[in-house]
Amino acid sequence: MAVQAMRLVLKPAGVDETTAEDKQIILDLLVDEVSGASTGPFPAWGRIGDFRKAETLVPFTLMMDGRMDTGAYASDAQRQDFLDIRGAQLGTGKTVMLRSGEDASEYEIARMTPLIA
């Protein structure tokens, strides 16, 4: 199985550009080059927000079940956010869902960039 370390940039669908930047998700993970899906067994690392605005930044670990663990200082409810990317077909323009409690938001994969050439 050939895997590639990739950086994905996900933007919330249907919002203005400023809001999209403030809520974007940057995620580094391994992608199976044959199936186009995220692969493990390791967690993935990422952040939510615009790096130019510290107040929007939230680092997280994407667990193998898709749960976004935002760390020890987050409430239990905040650590239950779920990014439905682990089994998704990954590619520019594809969409994934972010679930936070009863709320769900659609995110589009804006870019996929190899981390290692």
N, C-alpha and C. Protein backbone atom coordinates (compact mmCIF):
# COMPACT_ATOMS: atom_id res chain seq x y z
N MET A 1 0.85 -1.18 0.00
CA MET A 1 0.00 0.00 0.00
C MET A 1 0.89 1.24 0.00
N ALA A 2 0.72 2.12 -0.97
CA ALA A 2 1.47 3.36 -1.06
C ALA A 2 0.69 4.47 -0.38
N VAL A 3 1.34 5.15 0.56
CA VAL A 3 0.69 6.25 1.25
C VAL A 3 1.51 7.52 1.04
N GLN A 4 0.83 8.64 1.11
CA GLN A 4 1.46 9.93 0.92
C GLN A 4 1.04 10.84 2.08
N ALA A 5 1.99 11.50 2.71
CA ALA A 5 1.68 12.51 3.73
C ALA A 5 1.16 13.74 3.00
N MET A 6 -0.02 14.19 3.39
CA MET A 6 -0.68 15.31 2.70
C MET A 6 -1.13 16.36 3.71
N ARG A 7 -1.15 17.60 3.26
CA ARG A 7 -1.78 18.69 4.01
C ARG A 7 -3.06 19.05 3.28
N LEU A 8 -4.17 18.96 4.00
CA LEU A 8 -5.48 19.31 3.45
C LEU A 8 -5.92 20.65 4.02
N VAL A 9 -6.47 21.49 3.18
CA VAL A 9 -7.09 22.74 3.61
C VAL A 9 -8.57 22.60 3.31
N LEU A 10 -9.37 22.65 4.37
CA LEU A 10 -10.82 22.53 4.24
C LEU A 10 -11.46 23.86 4.60
N LYS A 11 -12.39 24.30 3.79
CA LYS A 11 -13.08 25.57 4.03
C LYS A 11 -14.57 25.29 4.20
N PRO A 12 -15.22 26.00 5.12
CA PRO A 12 -16.66 25.80 5.27
C PRO A 12 -17.40 26.23 4.01
N ALA A 13 -18.35 25.42 3.60
CA ALA A 13 -19.11 25.70 2.38
C ALA A 13 -20.15 26.78 2.62
N GLY A 14 -20.33 27.65 1.63
CA GLY A 14 -21.41 28.62 1.64
C GLY A 14 -21.25 29.77 2.60
N VAL A 15 -20.02 30.15 2.93
CA VAL A 15 -19.81 31.31 3.80
C VAL A 15 -18.88 32.30 3.11
N ASP A 16 -18.89 33.56 3.58
CA ASP A 16 -18.03 34.58 2.96
C ASP A 16 -16.57 34.26 3.26
N GLU A 17 -15.66 34.86 2.50
CA GLU A 17 -14.23 34.52 2.56
C GLU A 17 -13.62 34.77 3.94
N THR A 18 -14.00 35.86 4.62
CA THR A 18 -13.45 36.13 5.95
C THR A 18 -13.86 35.05 6.93
N THR A 19 -15.12 34.69 6.93
CA THR A 19 -15.60 33.62 7.81
C THR A 19 -14.93 32.31 7.46
N ALA A 20 -14.76 32.05 6.16
CA ALA A 20 -14.11 30.81 5.73
C ALA A 20 -12.69 30.73 6.26
N GLU A 21 -11.94 31.83 6.22
CA GLU A 21 -10.57 31.84 6.73
C GLU A 21 -10.55 31.60 8.24
N ASP A 22 -11.47 32.22 8.96
CA ASP A 22 -11.51 32.10 10.42
C ASP A 22 -11.91 30.69 10.87
N LYS A 23 -12.61 29.94 10.03
CA LYS A 23 -13.09 28.61 10.39
C LYS A 23 -12.45 27.49 9.57
N GLN A 24 -11.46 27.82 8.75
CA GLN A 24 -10.82 26.80 7.93
C GLN A 24 -10.16 25.75 8.81
N ILE A 25 -10.03 24.55 8.26
CA ILE A 25 -9.35 23.45 8.95
C ILE A 25 -8.14 23.07 8.11
N ILE A 26 -6.97 23.07 8.75
CA ILE A 26 -5.74 22.62 8.13
C ILE A 26 -5.40 21.29 8.80
N LEU A 27 -5.16 20.25 8.01
CA LEU A 27 -5.00 18.91 8.56
C LEU A 27 -3.88 18.18 7.84
N ASP A 28 -2.95 17.63 8.61
CA ASP A 28 -1.87 16.81 8.04
C ASP A 28 -2.19 15.35 8.34
N LEU A 29 -2.28 14.54 7.28
CA LEU A 29 -2.58 13.12 7.47
C LEU A 29 -2.01 12.29 6.35
N LEU A 30 -2.11 10.99 6.51
CA LEU A 30 -1.65 10.07 5.47
C LEU A 30 -2.83 9.69 4.59
N VAL A 31 -2.61 9.66 3.28
CA VAL A 31 -3.64 9.32 2.31
C VAL A 31 -3.16 8.11 1.51
N ASP A 32 -4.00 7.09 1.43
CA ASP A 32 -3.73 5.92 0.60
C ASP A 32 -3.86 6.36 -0.86
N GLU A 33 -2.80 6.24 -1.63
CA GLU A 33 -2.80 6.72 -3.01
C GLU A 33 -3.70 5.91 -3.92
N VAL A 34 -4.01 4.67 -3.56
CA VAL A 34 -4.88 3.83 -4.38
C VAL A 34 -6.35 4.10 -4.09
N SER A 35 -6.72 4.06 -2.81
CA SER A 35 -8.14 4.24 -2.46
C SER A 35 -8.54 5.70 -2.33
N GLY A 36 -7.57 6.60 -2.10
CA GLY A 36 -7.88 8.01 -1.91
C GLY A 36 -8.44 8.31 -0.54
N ALA A 37 -8.31 7.39 0.42
CA ALA A 37 -8.86 7.57 1.76
C ALA A 37 -7.74 7.81 2.76
N SER A 38 -8.11 8.41 3.89
CA SER A 38 -7.18 8.60 4.99
C SER A 38 -6.80 7.23 5.56
N THR A 39 -5.55 7.10 5.97
CA THR A 39 -5.08 5.82 6.49
C THR A 39 -4.44 6.01 7.85
N GLY A 40 -4.30 4.97 8.60
CA GLY A 40 -3.75 5.02 9.95
C GLY A 40 -2.56 4.12 10.06
N PRO A 41 -2.25 3.66 11.24
CA PRO A 41 -3.06 3.69 12.44
C PRO A 41 -2.87 4.95 13.28
N PHE A 42 -2.17 5.93 12.77
CA PHE A 42 -1.81 7.08 13.58
C PHE A 42 -2.85 8.20 13.53
N PRO A 43 -2.93 8.97 14.63
CA PRO A 43 -3.79 10.17 14.60
C PRO A 43 -3.24 11.18 13.60
N ALA A 44 -4.05 12.13 13.24
CA ALA A 44 -3.63 13.22 12.36
C ALA A 44 -3.62 14.51 13.18
N TRP A 45 -2.90 15.49 12.72
CA TRP A 45 -2.74 16.73 13.46
C TRP A 45 -3.26 17.89 12.63
N GLY A 46 -3.90 18.84 13.32
CA GLY A 46 -4.42 19.96 12.58
C GLY A 46 -4.73 21.16 13.45
N ARG A 47 -5.30 22.14 12.80
CA ARG A 47 -5.75 23.35 13.49
C ARG A 47 -6.97 23.91 12.79
N ILE A 48 -7.76 24.58 13.55
CA ILE A 48 -8.90 25.32 13.03
C ILE A 48 -8.54 26.79 13.15
N GLY A 49 -8.87 27.59 12.15
CA GLY A 49 -8.67 29.03 12.25
C GLY A 49 -7.65 29.59 11.30
N ASP A 50 -7.52 30.91 11.38
CA ASP A 50 -6.61 31.70 10.56
C ASP A 50 -5.33 31.94 11.37
N PHE A 51 -4.18 31.49 10.87
CA PHE A 51 -2.94 31.62 11.64
C PHE A 51 -2.58 33.08 11.92
N ARG A 52 -3.15 34.03 11.16
CA ARG A 52 -2.88 35.45 11.39
C ARG A 52 -3.73 36.03 12.51
N LYS A 53 -4.71 35.25 13.00
CA LYS A 53 -5.61 35.70 14.08
C LYS A 53 -5.58 34.68 15.20
N ALA A 54 -4.73 34.94 16.18
CA ALA A 54 -4.55 33.97 17.28
C ALA A 54 -5.86 33.62 17.97
N GLU A 55 -6.80 34.54 18.03
CA GLU A 55 -8.07 34.28 18.72
C GLU A 55 -8.93 33.24 18.00
N THR A 56 -8.62 32.93 16.74
CA THR A 56 -9.40 31.93 16.01
C THR A 56 -8.74 30.55 16.02
N LEU A 57 -7.49 30.45 16.48
CA LEU A 57 -6.73 29.20 16.37
C LEU A 57 -7.11 28.18 17.44
N VAL A 58 -7.37 26.96 17.00
CA VAL A 58 -7.64 25.84 17.89
C VAL A 58 -6.90 24.63 17.33
N PRO A 59 -5.80 24.21 17.99
CA PRO A 59 -5.11 23.00 17.54
C PRO A 59 -5.90 21.76 17.96
N PHE A 60 -5.75 20.67 17.21
CA PHE A 60 -6.45 19.45 17.59
C PHE A 60 -5.70 18.23 17.06
N THR A 61 -6.06 17.10 17.65
CA THR A 61 -5.62 15.80 17.17
C THR A 61 -6.85 15.12 16.61
N LEU A 62 -6.77 14.65 15.37
CA LEU A 62 -7.87 13.91 14.77
C LEU A 62 -7.64 12.44 15.09
N MET A 63 -8.50 11.88 15.92
CA MET A 63 -8.36 10.50 16.32
C MET A 63 -8.79 9.59 15.18
N MET A 64 -8.50 8.30 15.29
CA MET A 64 -8.82 7.36 14.21
C MET A 64 -10.32 7.22 13.97
N ASP A 65 -11.15 7.53 14.97
CA ASP A 65 -12.60 7.45 14.79
C ASP A 65 -13.18 8.74 14.21
N GLY A 66 -12.33 9.76 13.95
CA GLY A 66 -12.79 11.03 13.40
C GLY A 66 -13.06 12.10 14.44
N ARG A 67 -12.96 11.74 15.72
CA ARG A 67 -13.19 12.70 16.79
C ARG A 67 -12.03 13.70 16.84
N MET A 68 -12.36 14.98 17.00
CA MET A 68 -11.36 16.04 17.06
C MET A 68 -11.08 16.36 18.53
N ASP A 69 -9.94 15.92 19.02
CA ASP A 69 -9.58 16.15 20.41
C ASP A 69 -8.82 17.45 20.50
N THR A 70 -9.42 18.45 21.15
CA THR A 70 -8.82 19.77 21.26
C THR A 70 -8.04 19.96 22.55
N GLY A 71 -7.83 18.87 23.30
CA GLY A 71 -6.90 18.92 24.43
C GLY A 71 -7.52 19.02 25.80
N ALA A 72 -6.64 19.08 26.77
CA ALA A 72 -7.03 19.01 28.18
C ALA A 72 -7.84 20.21 28.64
N TYR A 73 -7.68 21.36 28.01
CA TYR A 73 -8.39 22.55 28.46
C TYR A 73 -9.76 22.71 27.81
N ALA A 74 -10.12 21.82 26.92
CA ALA A 74 -11.44 21.86 26.28
C ALA A 74 -12.44 21.11 27.16
N SER A 75 -13.69 21.49 27.03
CA SER A 75 -14.74 20.78 27.76
C SER A 75 -14.96 19.42 27.09
N ASP A 76 -15.63 18.52 27.79
CA ASP A 76 -15.92 17.22 27.21
C ASP A 76 -16.74 17.37 25.93
N ALA A 77 -17.70 18.30 25.93
CA ALA A 77 -18.53 18.53 24.73
C ALA A 77 -17.67 18.99 23.56
N GLN A 78 -16.69 19.87 23.81
CA GLN A 78 -15.82 20.35 22.73
C GLN A 78 -14.96 19.22 22.17
N ARG A 79 -14.62 18.25 22.99
CA ARG A 79 -13.79 17.13 22.52
C ARG A 79 -14.60 16.07 21.79
N GLN A 80 -15.89 16.30 21.60
CA GLN A 80 -16.73 15.33 20.90
C GLN A 80 -17.03 15.75 19.46
N ASP A 81 -16.45 16.85 18.99
CA ASP A 81 -16.63 17.23 17.59
C ASP A 81 -16.09 16.11 16.72
N PHE A 82 -16.74 15.87 15.58
CA PHE A 82 -16.42 14.73 14.73
C PHE A 82 -16.28 15.21 13.29
N LEU A 83 -15.11 14.97 12.70
CA LEU A 83 -14.87 15.30 11.29
C LEU A 83 -14.94 14.01 10.50
N ASP A 84 -15.91 13.90 9.63
CA ASP A 84 -16.20 12.67 8.90
C ASP A 84 -15.26 12.54 7.69
N ILE A 85 -13.95 12.42 7.98
CA ILE A 85 -12.96 12.40 6.91
C ILE A 85 -12.23 11.06 6.81
N ARG A 86 -12.26 10.26 7.87
CA ARG A 86 -11.47 9.03 7.90
C ARG A 86 -11.87 8.03 6.82
N GLY A 87 -13.14 7.92 6.50
CA GLY A 87 -13.55 6.98 5.46
C GLY A 87 -13.92 7.64 4.15
N ALA A 88 -13.79 8.97 4.10
CA ALA A 88 -14.23 9.73 2.93
C ALA A 88 -13.25 9.60 1.77
N GLN A 89 -13.76 9.73 0.57
CA GLN A 89 -12.93 9.82 -0.63
C GLN A 89 -12.34 11.22 -0.65
N LEU A 90 -11.02 11.34 -0.59
CA LEU A 90 -10.37 12.64 -0.48
C LEU A 90 -9.92 13.14 -1.83
N GLY A 91 -10.15 14.41 -2.07
CA GLY A 91 -9.74 15.06 -3.30
C GLY A 91 -10.21 16.50 -3.30
N THR A 92 -9.51 17.34 -4.03
CA THR A 92 -9.91 18.74 -4.13
C THR A 92 -11.34 18.84 -4.64
N GLY A 93 -12.15 19.65 -3.95
CA GLY A 93 -13.55 19.83 -4.32
C GLY A 93 -14.51 18.87 -3.63
N LYS A 94 -13.98 17.81 -3.02
CA LYS A 94 -14.84 16.87 -2.28
C LYS A 94 -15.29 17.52 -0.98
N THR A 95 -16.40 17.05 -0.42
CA THR A 95 -16.91 17.62 0.82
C THR A 95 -16.92 16.58 1.94
N VAL A 96 -16.77 17.07 3.16
CA VAL A 96 -16.87 16.26 4.37
C VAL A 96 -17.71 17.03 5.38
N MET A 97 -18.26 16.31 6.35
CA MET A 97 -19.11 16.94 7.36
C MET A 97 -18.34 17.08 8.67
N LEU A 98 -18.56 18.21 9.33
CA LEU A 98 -18.08 18.45 10.68
C LEU A 98 -19.32 18.45 11.57
N ARG A 99 -19.35 17.53 12.53
CA ARG A 99 -20.49 17.43 13.44
C ARG A 99 -20.07 17.88 14.82
N SER A 100 -20.87 18.79 15.37
CA SER A 100 -20.63 19.33 16.70
C SER A 100 -21.95 19.25 17.46
N GLY A 101 -22.11 18.20 18.26
CA GLY A 101 -23.39 17.99 18.93
C GLY A 101 -24.46 17.71 17.90
N GLU A 102 -25.53 18.48 17.93
CA GLU A 102 -26.64 18.33 16.98
C GLU A 102 -26.40 19.10 15.69
N ASP A 103 -25.38 19.95 15.65
CA ASP A 103 -25.10 20.77 14.48
C ASP A 103 -24.17 20.05 13.51
N ALA A 104 -24.34 20.31 12.23
CA ALA A 104 -23.46 19.76 11.20
C ALA A 104 -23.15 20.85 10.19
N SER A 105 -21.89 20.91 9.78
CA SER A 105 -21.44 21.89 8.79
C SER A 105 -20.70 21.16 7.69
N GLU A 106 -20.92 21.60 6.46
CA GLU A 106 -20.24 21.00 5.32
C GLU A 106 -18.96 21.77 5.03
N TYR A 107 -17.88 21.03 4.85
CA TYR A 107 -16.58 21.61 4.51
C TYR A 107 -16.13 21.05 3.16
N GLU A 108 -15.53 21.92 2.35
CA GLU A 108 -15.00 21.51 1.05
C GLU A 108 -13.47 21.46 1.14
N ILE A 109 -12.89 20.43 0.54
CA ILE A 109 -11.43 20.33 0.47
C ILE A 109 -10.96 21.31 -0.60
N ALA A 110 -10.35 22.41 -0.16
CA ALA A 110 -9.90 23.46 -1.07
C ALA A 110 -8.57 23.13 -1.71
N ARG A 111 -7.67 22.48 -0.93
CA ARG A 111 -6.34 22.13 -1.44
C ARG A 111 -5.86 20.85 -0.78
N MET A 112 -5.07 20.09 -1.52
CA MET A 112 -4.34 18.94 -1.00
C MET A 112 -2.91 19.07 -1.50
N THR A 113 -1.95 19.15 -0.58
CA THR A 113 -0.57 19.37 -0.95
C THR A 113 0.30 18.28 -0.32
N PRO A 114 1.13 17.58 -1.11
CA PRO A 114 2.03 16.60 -0.52
C PRO A 114 3.01 17.27 0.44
N LEU A 115 3.26 16.63 1.58
CA LEU A 115 4.20 17.18 2.56
C LEU A 115 5.63 16.77 2.24
N ILE A 116 5.78 15.64 1.58
CA ILE A 116 7.11 15.16 1.23
C ILE A 116 7.13 14.85 -0.27
N ALA A 117 8.10 15.41 -0.96
CA ALA A 117 8.17 15.21 -2.41
C ALA A 117 8.73 13.85 -2.76
